[in-house]
Amino acid sequence: MPSTQTWLDSATLQKAIELMNKAIDTAKTETYKKRLLREKLSIDLVLLKERYYSLRRSAEFSGQKFCTFIDPQTFINDFFARCHEFNLHHLTTSIVEDSGAFKNSNSRAAMIHGNSSMW
């Protein structure tokens, strides 16, 4: 996956996350909510693969609220569960094989070794 850093700035990505989360929270039917959760996978993929730590650091330094998940492992489990639900296993393979964000973390090790709680 090519990097988004040259054309998607942090403020825009954070705004997209906020708006998508708001849409999911206010979806009027379960069908709409599921569609929104599926579409949010693309934003979450960018966040997981290349932007999580830089966005979190930027928010911490500026004193702003980091608008997304707090616990990376919970977020990864949710991401994998949604990929499984929507039969998008190629996204999970992409994360495991080429993840700059979780290169040395226990989360990535758990994904590679199948120790994720969702499996």
PDB file of N, CA and C in Angstrom:
ATOM      1  N   MET A   1       0.846  -1.172   0.000  1.00  0.00           N
ATOM      2  CA  MET A   1       0.000   0.000   0.000  1.00  0.00           C
ATOM      3  C   MET A   1       0.891   1.235   0.000  1.00  0.00           C
ATOM      4  N   PRO A   2       0.732   2.113  -0.969  1.00  0.00           N
ATOM      5  CA  PRO A   2       1.528   3.347  -0.997  1.00  0.00           C
ATOM      6  C   PRO A   2       1.175   4.239   0.192  1.00  0.00           C
ATOM      7  N   SER A   3       2.121   5.020   0.623  1.00  0.00           N
ATOM      8  CA  SER A   3       1.920   5.912   1.763  1.00  0.00           C
ATOM      9  C   SER A   3       0.920   7.010   1.431  1.00  0.00           C
ATOM     10  N   THR A   4       0.143   7.383   2.421  1.00  0.00           N
ATOM     11  CA  THR A   4      -0.814   8.476   2.266  1.00  0.00           C
ATOM     12  C   THR A   4      -0.259   9.795   2.792  1.00  0.00           C
ATOM     13  N   GLN A   5       0.927   9.757   3.371  1.00  0.00           N
ATOM     14  CA  GLN A   5       1.444  10.938   4.052  1.00  0.00           C
ATOM     15  C   GLN A   5       1.681  12.128   3.130  1.00  0.00           C
ATOM     16  N   THR A   6       1.854  11.902   1.841  1.00  0.00           N
ATOM     17  CA  THR A   6       2.101  13.016   0.925  1.00  0.00           C
ATOM     18  C   THR A   6       0.815  13.729   0.509  1.00  0.00           C
ATOM     19  N   TRP A   7      -0.333  13.110   0.705  1.00  0.00           N
ATOM     20  CA  TRP A   7      -1.569  13.744   0.260  1.00  0.00           C
ATOM     21  C   TRP A   7      -2.682  13.767   1.306  1.00  0.00           C
ATOM     22  N   LEU A   8      -2.490  13.095   2.439  1.00  0.00           N
ATOM     23  CA  LEU A   8      -3.513  13.081   3.489  1.00  0.00           C
ATOM     24  C   LEU A   8      -2.863  13.564   4.785  1.00  0.00           C
ATOM     25  N   ASP A   9      -3.137  14.817   5.129  1.00  0.00           N
ATOM     26  CA  ASP A   9      -2.513  15.358   6.339  1.00  0.00           C
ATOM     27  C   ASP A   9      -3.226  14.836   7.584  1.00  0.00           C
ATOM     28  N   SER A  10      -2.574  14.967   8.714  1.00  0.00           N
ATOM     29  CA  SER A  10      -3.074  14.428   9.978  1.00  0.00           C
ATOM     30  C   SER A  10      -4.418  15.018  10.377  1.00  0.00           C
ATOM     31  N   ALA A  11      -4.584  16.316  10.183  1.00  0.00           N
ATOM     32  CA  ALA A  11      -5.851  16.962  10.563  1.00  0.00           C
ATOM     33  C   ALA A  11      -7.019  16.402   9.753  1.00  0.00           C
ATOM     34  N   THR A  12      -6.797  16.176   8.462  1.00  0.00           N
ATOM     35  CA  THR A  12      -7.857  15.627   7.615  1.00  0.00           C
ATOM     36  C   THR A  12      -8.176  14.195   7.999  1.00  0.00           C
ATOM     37  N   LEU A  13      -7.155  13.400   8.280  1.00  0.00           N
ATOM     38  CA  LEU A  13      -7.373  12.014   8.699  1.00  0.00           C
ATOM     39  C   LEU A  13      -8.137  11.987  10.025  1.00  0.00           C
ATOM     40  N   GLN A  14      -7.745  12.823  10.972  1.00  0.00           N
ATOM     41  CA  GLN A  14      -8.461  12.864  12.253  1.00  0.00           C
ATOM     42  C   GLN A  14      -9.908  13.289  12.060  1.00  0.00           C
ATOM     43  N   LYS A  15     -10.145  14.248  11.181  1.00  0.00           N
ATOM     44  CA  LYS A  15     -11.515  14.704  10.913  1.00  0.00           C
ATOM     45  C   LYS A  15     -12.333  13.578  10.272  1.00  0.00           C
ATOM     46  N   ALA A  16     -11.727  12.841   9.350  1.00  0.00           N
ATOM     47  CA  ALA A  16     -12.416  11.707   8.721  1.00  0.00           C
ATOM     48  C   ALA A  16     -12.791  10.659   9.766  1.00  0.00           C
ATOM     49  N   ILE A  17     -11.892  10.396  10.694  1.00  0.00           N
ATOM     50  CA  ILE A  17     -12.162   9.426  11.763  1.00  0.00           C
ATOM     51  C   ILE A  17     -13.319   9.911  12.634  1.00  0.00           C
ATOM     52  N   GLU A  18     -13.266  11.182  13.017  1.00  0.00           N
ATOM     53  CA  GLU A  18     -14.331  11.752  13.852  1.00  0.00           C
ATOM     54  C   GLU A  18     -15.687  11.677  13.161  1.00  0.00           C
ATOM     55  N   LEU A  19     -15.734  12.078  11.893  1.00  0.00           N
ATOM     56  CA  LEU A  19     -17.001  12.078  11.160  1.00  0.00           C
ATOM     57  C   LEU A  19     -17.540  10.662  10.946  1.00  0.00           C
ATOM     58  N   MET A  20     -16.652   9.734  10.643  1.00  0.00           N
ATOM     59  CA  MET A  20     -17.085   8.357  10.439  1.00  0.00           C
ATOM     60  C   MET A  20     -17.608   7.764  11.747  1.00  0.00           C
ATOM     61  N   ASN A  21     -16.904   8.024  12.833  1.00  0.00           N
ATOM     62  CA  ASN A  21     -17.377   7.529  14.135  1.00  0.00           C
ATOM     63  C   ASN A  21     -18.740   8.119  14.497  1.00  0.00           C
ATOM     64  N   LYS A  22     -18.926   9.400  14.205  1.00  0.00           N
ATOM     65  CA  LYS A  22     -20.213  10.050  14.479  1.00  0.00           C
ATOM     66  C   LYS A  22     -21.319   9.424  13.623  1.00  0.00           C
ATOM     67  N   ALA A  23     -21.019   9.170  12.359  1.00  0.00           N
ATOM     68  CA  ALA A  23     -22.014   8.548  11.473  1.00  0.00           C
ATOM     69  C   ALA A  23     -22.385   7.153  11.972  1.00  0.00           C
ATOM     70  N   ILE A  24     -21.399   6.391  12.406  1.00  0.00           N
ATOM     71  CA  ILE A  24     -21.654   5.044  12.926  1.00  0.00           C
ATOM     72  C   ILE A  24     -22.512   5.123  14.186  1.00  0.00           C
ATOM     73  N   ASP A  25     -22.170   6.030  15.081  1.00  0.00           N
ATOM     74  CA  ASP A  25     -22.908   6.166  16.338  1.00  0.00           C
ATOM     75  C   ASP A  25     -24.351   6.607  16.143  1.00  0.00           C
ATOM     76  N   THR A  26     -24.618   7.346  15.067  1.00  0.00           N
ATOM     77  CA  THR A  26     -25.968   7.875  14.852  1.00  0.00           C
ATOM     78  C   THR A  26     -26.720   7.161  13.732  1.00  0.00           C
ATOM     79  N   ALA A  27     -26.185   6.058  13.236  1.00  0.00           N
ATOM     80  CA  ALA A  27     -26.865   5.307  12.172  1.00  0.00           C
ATOM     81  C   ALA A  27     -28.252   4.891  12.650  1.00  0.00           C
ATOM     82  N   LYS A  28     -29.239   5.084  11.798  1.00  0.00           N
ATOM     83  CA  LYS A  28     -30.630   4.825  12.179  1.00  0.00           C
ATOM     84  C   LYS A  28     -31.011   3.350  12.101  1.00  0.00           C
ATOM     85  N   THR A  29     -30.300   2.589  11.292  1.00  0.00           N
ATOM     86  CA  THR A  29     -30.609   1.160  11.198  1.00  0.00           C
ATOM     87  C   THR A  29     -29.316   0.360  11.309  1.00  0.00           C
ATOM     88  N   GLU A  30     -29.477  -0.889  11.659  1.00  0.00           N
ATOM     89  CA  GLU A  30     -28.318  -1.782  11.767  1.00  0.00           C
ATOM     90  C   GLU A  30     -27.655  -1.967  10.396  1.00  0.00           C
ATOM     91  N   THR A  31     -28.450  -1.963   9.333  1.00  0.00           N
ATOM     92  CA  THR A  31     -27.907  -2.105   7.972  1.00  0.00           C
ATOM     93  C   THR A  31     -26.970  -0.956   7.646  1.00  0.00           C
ATOM     94  N   TYR A  32     -27.379   0.264   7.940  1.00  0.00           N
ATOM     95  CA  TYR A  32     -26.521   1.428   7.691  1.00  0.00           C
ATOM     96  C   TYR A  32     -25.266   1.380   8.552  1.00  0.00           C
ATOM     97  N   LYS A  33     -25.437   0.972   9.802  1.00  0.00           N
ATOM     98  CA  LYS A  33     -24.289   0.885  10.698  1.00  0.00           C
ATOM     99  C   LYS A  33     -23.269  -0.114  10.160  1.00  0.00           C
ATOM    100  N   LYS A  34     -23.723  -1.265   9.688  1.00  0.00           N
ATOM    101  CA  LYS A  34     -22.807  -2.274   9.134  1.00  0.00           C
ATOM    102  C   LYS A  34     -22.089  -1.742   7.896  1.00  0.00           C
ATOM    103  N   ARG A  35     -22.819  -1.033   7.052  1.00  0.00           N
ATOM    104  CA  ARG A  35     -22.197  -0.460   5.847  1.00  0.00           C
ATOM    105  C   ARG A  35     -21.114   0.551   6.221  1.00  0.00           C
ATOM    106  N   LEU A  36     -21.415   1.380   7.196  1.00  0.00           N
ATOM    107  CA  LEU A  36     -20.443   2.373   7.640  1.00  0.00           C
ATOM    108  C   LEU A  36     -19.220   1.709   8.277  1.00  0.00           C
ATOM    109  N   LEU A  37     -19.439   0.667   9.068  1.00  0.00           N
ATOM    110  CA  LEU A  37     -18.318  -0.053   9.673  1.00  0.00           C
ATOM    111  C   LEU A  37     -17.433  -0.680   8.608  1.00  0.00           C
ATOM    112  N   ARG A  38     -18.048  -1.171   7.539  1.00  0.00           N
ATOM    113  CA  ARG A  38     -17.264  -1.749   6.439  1.00  0.00           C
ATOM    114  C   ARG A  38     -16.452  -0.663   5.737  1.00  0.00           C
ATOM    115  N   GLU A  39     -17.073   0.459   5.461  1.00  0.00           N
ATOM    116  CA  GLU A  39     -16.378   1.540   4.773  1.00  0.00           C
ATOM    117  C   GLU A  39     -15.271   2.147   5.626  1.00  0.00           C
ATOM    118  N   LYS A  40     -15.434   2.116   6.932  1.00  0.00           N
ATOM    119  CA  LYS A  40     -14.418   2.675   7.828  1.00  0.00           C
ATOM    120  C   LYS A  40     -13.146   1.828   7.831  1.00  0.00           C
ATOM    121  N   LEU A  41     -13.206   0.623   7.336  1.00  0.00           N
ATOM    122  CA  LEU A  41     -12.017  -0.226   7.286  1.00  0.00           C
ATOM    123  C   LEU A  41     -10.871   0.436   6.515  1.00  0.00           C
ATOM    124  N   SER A  42     -11.185   1.183   5.468  1.00  0.00           N
ATOM    125  CA  SER A  42     -10.121   1.827   4.697  1.00  0.00           C
ATOM    126  C   SER A  42      -9.395   2.892   5.523  1.00  0.00           C
ATOM    127  N   ILE A  43     -10.143   3.646   6.307  1.00  0.00           N
ATOM    128  CA  ILE A  43      -9.527   4.646   7.185  1.00  0.00           C
ATOM    129  C   ILE A  43      -8.710   3.946   8.265  1.00  0.00           C
ATOM    130  N   ASP A  44      -9.277   2.896   8.826  1.00  0.00           N
ATOM    131  CA  ASP A  44      -8.581   2.158   9.881  1.00  0.00           C
ATOM    132  C   ASP A  44      -7.305   1.503   9.366  1.00  0.00           C
ATOM    133  N   LEU A  45      -7.331   1.045   8.134  1.00  0.00           N
ATOM    134  CA  LEU A  45      -6.135   0.439   7.547  1.00  0.00           C
ATOM    135  C   LEU A  45      -5.001   1.456   7.462  1.00  0.00           C
ATOM    136  N   VAL A  46      -5.309   2.656   7.004  1.00  0.00           N
ATOM    137  CA  VAL A  46      -4.295   3.722   6.945  1.00  0.00           C
ATOM    138  C   VAL A  46      -3.771   4.007   8.346  1.00  0.00           C
ATOM    139  N   LEU A  47      -4.667   4.095   9.292  1.00  0.00           N
ATOM    140  CA  LEU A  47      -4.267   4.375  10.662  1.00  0.00           C
ATOM    141  C   LEU A  47      -3.368   3.279  11.217  1.00  0.00           C
ATOM    142  N   LEU A  48      -3.733   2.043  11.006  1.00  0.00           N
ATOM    143  CA  LEU A  48      -2.944   0.928  11.527  1.00  0.00           C
ATOM    144  C   LEU A  48      -1.592   0.787  10.846  1.00  0.00           C
ATOM    145  N   LYS A  49      -1.556   0.949   9.549  1.00  0.00           N
ATOM    146  CA  LYS A  49      -0.330   0.671   8.810  1.00  0.00           C
ATOM    147  C   LYS A  49       0.707   1.782   8.863  1.00  0.00           C
ATOM    148  N   GLU A  50       0.264   3.019   8.953  1.00  0.00           N
ATOM    149  CA  GLU A  50       1.279   4.049   8.818  1.00  0.00           C
ATOM    150  C   GLU A  50       1.115   5.285   9.677  1.00  0.00           C
ATOM    151  N   ARG A  51      -0.003   5.467  10.341  1.00  0.00           N
ATOM    152  CA  ARG A  51      -0.201   6.761  10.974  1.00  0.00           C
ATOM    153  C   ARG A  51      -0.473   6.740  12.471  1.00  0.00           C
ATOM    154  N   TYR A  52      -0.719   5.604  13.066  1.00  0.00           N
ATOM    155  CA  TYR A  52      -1.146   5.571  14.475  1.00  0.00           C
ATOM    156  C   TYR A  52      -0.179   6.298  15.401  1.00  0.00           C
ATOM    157  N   TYR A  53       1.076   5.876  15.417  1.00  0.00           N
ATOM    158  CA  TYR A  53       2.021   6.441  16.383  1.00  0.00           C
ATOM    159  C   TYR A  53       2.316   7.915  16.112  1.00  0.00           C
ATOM    160  N   SER A  54       2.415   8.306  14.853  1.00  0.00           N
ATOM    161  CA  SER A  54       2.689   9.721  14.571  1.00  0.00           C
ATOM    162  C   SER A  54       1.490  10.591  14.961  1.00  0.00           C
ATOM    163  N   LEU A  55       0.277  10.125  14.720  1.00  0.00           N
ATOM    164  CA  LEU A  55      -0.901  10.896  15.114  1.00  0.00           C
ATOM    165  C   LEU A  55      -1.018  10.983  16.636  1.00  0.00           C
ATOM    166  N   ARG A  56      -0.758   9.897  17.306  1.00  0.00           N
ATOM    167  CA  ARG A  56      -0.856   9.892  18.762  1.00  0.00           C
ATOM    168  C   ARG A  56       0.174  10.848  19.371  1.00  0.00           C
ATOM    169  N   ARG A  57       1.412  10.782  18.872  1.00  0.00           N
ATOM    170  CA  ARG A  57       2.461  11.679  19.378  1.00  0.00           C
ATOM    171  C   ARG A  57       2.114  13.133  19.111  1.00  0.00           C
ATOM    172  N   SER A  58       1.647  13.407  17.911  1.00  0.00           N
ATOM    173  CA  SER A  58       1.281  14.770  17.547  1.00  0.00           C
ATOM    174  C   SER A  58       0.187  15.311  18.467  1.00  0.00           C
ATOM    175  N   ALA A  59      -0.808  14.494  18.740  1.00  0.00           N
ATOM    176  CA  ALA A  59      -1.899  14.913  19.624  1.00  0.00           C
ATOM    177  C   ALA A  59      -1.388  15.142  21.043  1.00  0.00           C
ATOM    178  N   GLU A  60      -0.512  14.260  21.526  1.00  0.00           N
ATOM    179  CA  GLU A  60       0.033  14.405  22.878  1.00  0.00           C
ATOM    180  C   GLU A  60       0.844  15.686  23.016  1.00  0.00           C
ATOM    181  N   PHE A  61       1.683  15.988  22.021  1.00  0.00           N
ATOM    182  CA  PHE A  61       2.518  17.185  22.082  1.00  0.00           C
ATOM    183  C   PHE A  61       1.700  18.469  22.002  1.00  0.00           C
ATOM    184  N   SER A  62       0.623  18.427  21.237  1.00  0.00           N
ATOM    185  CA  SER A  62      -0.183  19.633  21.069  1.00  0.00           C
ATOM    186  C   SER A  62      -1.270  19.766  22.137  1.00  0.00           C
ATOM    187  N   GLY A  63      -1.423  18.739  22.973  1.00  0.00           N
ATOM    188  CA  GLY A  63      -2.438  18.783  24.015  1.00  0.00           C
ATOM    189  C   GLY A  63      -3.838  18.495  23.502  1.00  0.00           C
ATOM    190  N   GLN A  64      -3.946  18.039  22.264  1.00  0.00           N
ATOM    191  CA  GLN A  64      -5.255  17.724  21.686  1.00  0.00           C
ATOM    192  C   GLN A  64      -5.652  16.294  22.035  1.00  0.00           C
ATOM    193  N   LYS A  65      -6.966  16.047  21.926  1.00  0.00           N
ATOM    194  CA  LYS A  65      -7.478  14.703  22.161  1.00  0.00           C
ATOM    195  C   LYS A  65      -7.188  13.855  20.926  1.00  0.00           C
ATOM    196  N   PHE A  66      -6.669  12.676  21.146  1.00  0.00           N
ATOM    197  CA  PHE A  66      -6.456  11.735  20.054  1.00  0.00           C
ATOM    198  C   PHE A  66      -7.796  11.070  19.805  1.00  0.00           C
ATOM    199  N   CYS A  67      -8.374  11.296  18.644  1.00  0.00           N
ATOM    200  CA  CYS A  67      -9.788  11.023  18.401  1.00  0.00           C
ATOM    201  C   CYS A  67     -10.152   9.565  18.180  1.00  0.00           C
ATOM    202  N   THR A  68      -9.234   8.681  18.277  1.00  0.00           N
ATOM    203  CA  THR A  68      -9.572   7.296  17.975  1.00  0.00           C
ATOM    204  C   THR A  68      -9.329   6.402  19.182  1.00  0.00           C
ATOM    205  N   PHE A  69      -9.013   5.181  18.961  1.00  0.00           N
ATOM    206  CA  PHE A  69      -8.896   4.191  20.026  1.00  0.00           C
ATOM    207  C   PHE A  69      -7.765   4.499  20.991  1.00  0.00           C
ATOM    208  N   ILE A  70      -7.873   3.970  22.185  1.00  0.00           N
ATOM    209  CA  ILE A  70      -6.823   4.131  23.184  1.00  0.00           C
ATOM    210  C   ILE A  70      -5.923   2.902  23.195  1.00  0.00           C
ATOM    211  N   ASP A  71      -6.514   1.731  23.169  1.00  0.00           N
ATOM    212  CA  ASP A  71      -5.761   0.487  23.258  1.00  0.00           C
ATOM    213  C   ASP A  71      -5.562  -0.119  21.863  1.00  0.00           C
ATOM    214  N   PRO A  72      -4.323  -0.148  21.368  1.00  0.00           N
ATOM    215  CA  PRO A  72      -4.081  -0.678  20.020  1.00  0.00           C
ATOM    216  C   PRO A  72      -4.531  -2.136  19.854  1.00  0.00           C
ATOM    217  N   GLN A  73      -4.369  -2.958  20.876  1.00  0.00           N
ATOM    218  CA  GLN A  73      -4.741  -4.363  20.751  1.00  0.00           C
ATOM    219  C   GLN A  73      -6.251  -4.520  20.556  1.00  0.00           C
ATOM    220  N   THR A  74      -7.041  -3.750  21.295  1.00  0.00           N
ATOM    221  CA  THR A  74      -8.494  -3.789  21.138  1.00  0.00           C
ATOM    222  C   THR A  74      -8.880  -3.335  19.737  1.00  0.00           C
ATOM    223  N   PHE A  75      -8.216  -2.280  19.261  1.00  0.00           N
ATOM    224  CA  PHE A  75      -8.498  -1.769  17.923  1.00  0.00           C
ATOM    225  C   PHE A  75      -8.155  -2.806  16.850  1.00  0.00           C
ATOM    226  N   ILE A  76      -7.009  -3.463  17.012  1.00  0.00           N
ATOM    227  CA  ILE A  76      -6.598  -4.495  16.051  1.00  0.00           C
ATOM    228  C   ILE A  76      -7.596  -5.649  16.058  1.00  0.00           C
ATOM    229  N   ASN A  77      -7.997  -6.083  17.248  1.00  0.00           N
ATOM    230  CA  ASN A  77      -8.973  -7.175  17.335  1.00  0.00           C
ATOM    231  C   ASN A  77     -10.272  -6.811  16.635  1.00  0.00           C
ATOM    232  N   ASP A  78     -10.731  -5.568  16.843  1.00  0.00           N
ATOM    233  CA  ASP A  78     -11.953  -5.104  16.189  1.00  0.00           C
ATOM    234  C   ASP A  78     -11.766  -5.047  14.674  1.00  0.00           C
ATOM    235  N   PHE A  79     -10.619  -4.544  14.234  1.00  0.00           N
ATOM    236  CA  PHE A  79     -10.329  -4.466  12.801  1.00  0.00           C
ATOM    237  C   PHE A  79     -10.356  -5.858  12.167  1.00  0.00           C
ATOM    238  N   PHE A  80      -9.679  -6.808  12.797  1.00  0.00           N
ATOM    239  CA  PHE A  80      -9.645  -8.180  12.277  1.00  0.00           C
ATOM    240  C   PHE A  80     -11.039  -8.800  12.265  1.00  0.00           C
ATOM    241  N   ALA A  81     -11.814  -8.549  13.311  1.00  0.00           N
ATOM    242  CA  ALA A  81     -13.176  -9.094  13.380  1.00  0.00           C
ATOM    243  C   ALA A  81     -14.044  -8.544  12.252  1.00  0.00           C
ATOM    244  N   ARG A  82     -13.923  -7.231  11.987  1.00  0.00           N
ATOM    245  CA  ARG A  82     -14.705  -6.650  10.892  1.00  0.00           C
ATOM    246  C   ARG A  82     -14.237  -7.168   9.540  1.00  0.00           C
ATOM    247  N   CYS A  83     -12.937  -7.340   9.353  1.00  0.00           N
ATOM    248  CA  CYS A  83     -12.436  -7.916   8.096  1.00  0.00           C
ATOM    249  C   CYS A  83     -12.988  -9.322   7.904  1.00  0.00           C
ATOM    250  N   HIS A  84     -13.010 -10.093   8.971  1.00  0.00           N
ATOM    251  CA  HIS A  84     -13.544 -11.453   8.919  1.00  0.00           C
ATOM    252  C   HIS A  84     -15.046 -11.421   8.609  1.00  0.00           C
ATOM    253  N   GLU A  85     -15.775 -10.537   9.281  1.00  0.00           N
ATOM    254  CA  GLU A  85     -17.224 -10.423   9.077  1.00  0.00           C
ATOM    255  C   GLU A  85     -17.569 -10.069   7.634  1.00  0.00           C
ATOM    256  N   PHE A  86     -16.783  -9.185   7.031  1.00  0.00           N
ATOM    257  CA  PHE A  86     -17.068  -8.727   5.677  1.00  0.00           C
ATOM    258  C   PHE A  86     -16.261  -9.477   4.615  1.00  0.00           C
ATOM    259  N   ASN A  87     -15.600 -10.559   5.032  1.00  0.00           N
ATOM    260  CA  ASN A  87     -14.832 -11.416   4.112  1.00  0.00           C
ATOM    261  C   ASN A  87     -13.754 -10.625   3.363  1.00  0.00           C
ATOM    262  N   LEU A  88     -13.015  -9.831   4.112  1.00  0.00           N
ATOM    263  CA  LEU A  88     -11.940  -9.012   3.546  1.00  0.00           C
ATOM    264  C   LEU A  88     -10.600  -9.417   4.159  1.00  0.00           C
ATOM    265  N   HIS A  89     -10.283 -10.683   4.060  1.00  0.00           N
ATOM    266  CA  HIS A  89      -9.084 -11.233   4.696  1.00  0.00           C
ATOM    267  C   HIS A  89      -7.797 -10.669   4.098  1.00  0.00           C
ATOM    268  N   HIS A  90      -7.847 -10.176   2.870  1.00  0.00           N
ATOM    269  CA  HIS A  90      -6.642  -9.606   2.267  1.00  0.00           C
ATOM    270  C   HIS A  90      -6.158  -8.380   3.047  1.00  0.00           C
ATOM    271  N   LEU A  91      -7.051  -7.674   3.716  1.00  0.00           N
ATOM    272  CA  LEU A  91      -6.631  -6.530   4.517  1.00  0.00           C
ATOM    273  C   LEU A  91      -5.848  -6.978   5.744  1.00  0.00           C
ATOM    274  N   THR A  92      -6.257  -8.072   6.356  1.00  0.00           N
ATOM    275  CA  THR A  92      -5.535  -8.554   7.531  1.00  0.00           C
ATOM    276  C   THR A  92      -4.163  -9.079   7.138  1.00  0.00           C
ATOM    277  N   THR A  93      -4.083  -9.731   5.995  1.00  0.00           N
ATOM    278  CA  THR A  93      -2.794 -10.215   5.501  1.00  0.00           C
ATOM    279  C   THR A  93      -1.866  -9.040   5.255  1.00  0.00           C
ATOM    280  N   SER A  94      -2.409  -7.978   4.696  1.00  0.00           N
ATOM    281  CA  SER A  94      -1.633  -6.768   4.432  1.00  0.00           C
ATOM    282  C   SER A  94      -1.066  -6.192   5.721  1.00  0.00           C
ATOM    283  N   ILE A  95      -1.848  -6.180   6.773  1.00  0.00           N
ATOM    284  CA  ILE A  95      -1.395  -5.654   8.062  1.00  0.00           C
ATOM    285  C   ILE A  95      -0.266  -6.516   8.615  1.00  0.00           C
ATOM    286  N   VAL A  96      -0.447  -7.811   8.612  1.00  0.00           N
ATOM    287  CA  VAL A  96       0.529  -8.721   9.210  1.00  0.00           C
ATOM    288  C   VAL A  96       1.843  -8.709   8.442  1.00  0.00           C
ATOM    289  N   GLU A  97       1.775  -8.712   7.125  1.00  0.00           N
ATOM    290  CA  GLU A  97       2.991  -8.805   6.317  1.00  0.00           C
ATOM    291  C   GLU A  97       3.760  -7.501   6.212  1.00  0.00           C
ATOM    292  N   ASP A  98       3.079  -6.368   6.267  1.00  0.00           N
ATOM    293  CA  ASP A  98       3.743  -5.102   5.973  1.00  0.00           C
ATOM    294  C   ASP A  98       3.290  -4.003   6.919  1.00  0.00           C
ATOM    295  N   SER A  99       3.445  -4.198   8.201  1.00  0.00           N
ATOM    296  CA  SER A  99       2.993  -3.190   9.132  1.00  0.00           C
ATOM    297  C   SER A  99       4.159  -2.409   9.700  1.00  0.00           C
ATOM    298  N   GLY A 100       4.264  -1.162   9.298  1.00  0.00           N
ATOM    299  CA  GLY A 100       5.272  -0.291   9.874  1.00  0.00           C
ATOM    300  C   GLY A 100       4.877   0.158  11.265  1.00  0.00           C
ATOM    301  N   ALA A 101       3.587   0.291  11.521  1.00  0.00           N
ATOM    302  CA  ALA A 101       3.123   0.819  12.800  1.00  0.00           C
ATOM    303  C   ALA A 101       3.364  -0.133  13.959  1.00  0.00           C
ATOM    304  N   PHE A 102       3.294  -1.430  13.718  1.00  0.00           N
ATOM    305  CA  PHE A 102       3.391  -2.379  14.811  1.00  0.00           C
ATOM    306  C   PHE A 102       4.567  -3.326  14.630  1.00  0.00           C
ATOM    307  N   LYS A 103       5.630  -2.851  13.981  1.00  0.00           N
ATOM    308  CA  LYS A 103       6.784  -3.679  13.655  1.00  0.00           C
ATOM    309  C   LYS A 103       7.347  -4.448  14.843  1.00  0.00           C
ATOM    310  N   ASN A 104       7.534  -3.806  15.966  1.00  0.00           N
ATOM    311  CA  ASN A 104       8.175  -4.452  17.103  1.00  0.00           C
ATOM    312  C   ASN A 104       7.241  -4.642  18.283  1.00  0.00           C
ATOM    313  N   SER A 105       5.970  -4.520  18.057  1.00  0.00           N
ATOM    314  CA  SER A 105       5.057  -4.565  19.195  1.00  0.00           C
ATOM    315  C   SER A 105       4.533  -5.968  19.466  1.00  0.00           C
ATOM    316  N   ASN A 106       4.043  -6.141  20.659  1.00  0.00           N
ATOM    317  CA  ASN A 106       3.407  -7.405  21.018  1.00  0.00           C
ATOM    318  C   ASN A 106       2.149  -7.626  20.201  1.00  0.00           C
ATOM    319  N   SER A 107       1.473  -6.538  19.808  1.00  0.00           N
ATOM    320  CA  SER A 107       0.253  -6.666  19.018  1.00  0.00           C
ATOM    321  C   SER A 107       0.543  -7.346  17.689  1.00  0.00           C
ATOM    322  N   ARG A 108       1.604  -6.907  17.025  1.00  0.00           N
ATOM    323  CA  ARG A 108       1.939  -7.508  15.737  1.00  0.00           C
ATOM    324  C   ARG A 108       2.365  -8.962  15.926  1.00  0.00           C
ATOM    325  N   ALA A 109       3.123  -9.233  16.981  1.00  0.00           N
ATOM    326  CA  ALA A 109       3.538 -10.604  17.251  1.00  0.00           C
ATOM    327  C   ALA A 109       2.313 -11.488  17.478  1.00  0.00           C
ATOM    328  N   ALA A 110       1.335 -10.961  18.209  1.00  0.00           N
ATOM    329  CA  ALA A 110       0.117 -11.731  18.446  1.00  0.00           C
ATOM    330  C   ALA A 110      -0.612 -12.016  17.141  1.00  0.00           C
ATOM    331  N   MET A 111      -0.639 -11.038  16.237  1.00  0.00           N
ATOM    332  CA  MET A 111      -1.303 -11.250  14.945  1.00  0.00           C
ATOM    333  C   MET A 111      -0.579 -12.331  14.150  1.00  0.00           C
ATOM    334  N   ILE A 112       0.733 -12.240  14.090  1.00  0.00           N
ATOM    335  CA  ILE A 112       1.507 -13.176  13.291  1.00  0.00           C
ATOM    336  C   ILE A 112       1.393 -14.584  13.824  1.00  0.00           C
ATOM    337  N   HIS A 113       1.406 -14.719  15.145  1.00  0.00           N
ATOM    338  CA  HIS A 113       1.388 -16.043  15.749  1.00  0.00           C
ATOM    339  C   HIS A 113      -0.008 -16.554  16.063  1.00  0.00           C
ATOM    340  N   GLY A 114      -1.022 -15.796  15.660  1.00  0.00           N
ATOM    341  CA  GLY A 114      -2.394 -16.246  15.840  1.00  0.00           C
ATOM    342  C   GLY A 114      -2.881 -16.195  17.275  1.00  0.00           C
ATOM    343  N   ASN A 115      -2.296 -15.329  18.081  1.00  0.00           N
ATOM    344  CA  ASN A 115      -2.695 -15.254  19.482  1.00  0.00           C
ATOM    345  C   ASN A 115      -3.735 -14.154  19.729  1.00  0.00           C
ATOM    346  N   SER A 116      -4.246 -13.580  18.669  1.00  0.00           N
ATOM    347  CA  SER A 116      -5.253 -12.550  18.831  1.00  0.00           C
ATOM    348  C   SER A 116      -6.494 -13.173  19.457  1.00  0.00           C
ATOM    349  N   SER A 117      -7.125 -12.470  20.384  1.00  0.00           N
ATOM    350  CA  SER A 117      -8.262 -13.033  21.102  1.00  0.00           C
ATOM    351  C   SER A 117      -9.448 -13.327  20.192  1.00  0.00           C
ATOM    352  N   MET A 118      -9.519 -12.671  19.037  1.00  0.00           N
ATOM    353  CA  MET A 118     -10.660 -12.935  18.158  1.00  0.00           C
ATOM    354  C   MET A 118     -10.544 -14.259  17.427  1.00  0.00           C
ATOM    355  N   TRP A 119      -9.362 -14.810  17.317  1.00  0.00           N
ATOM    356  CA  TRP A 119      -9.199 -16.076  16.599  1.00  0.00           C
ATOM    357  C   TRP A 119      -9.311 -17.182  17.599  1.00  0.00           C
TER     358      TRP A 119
END
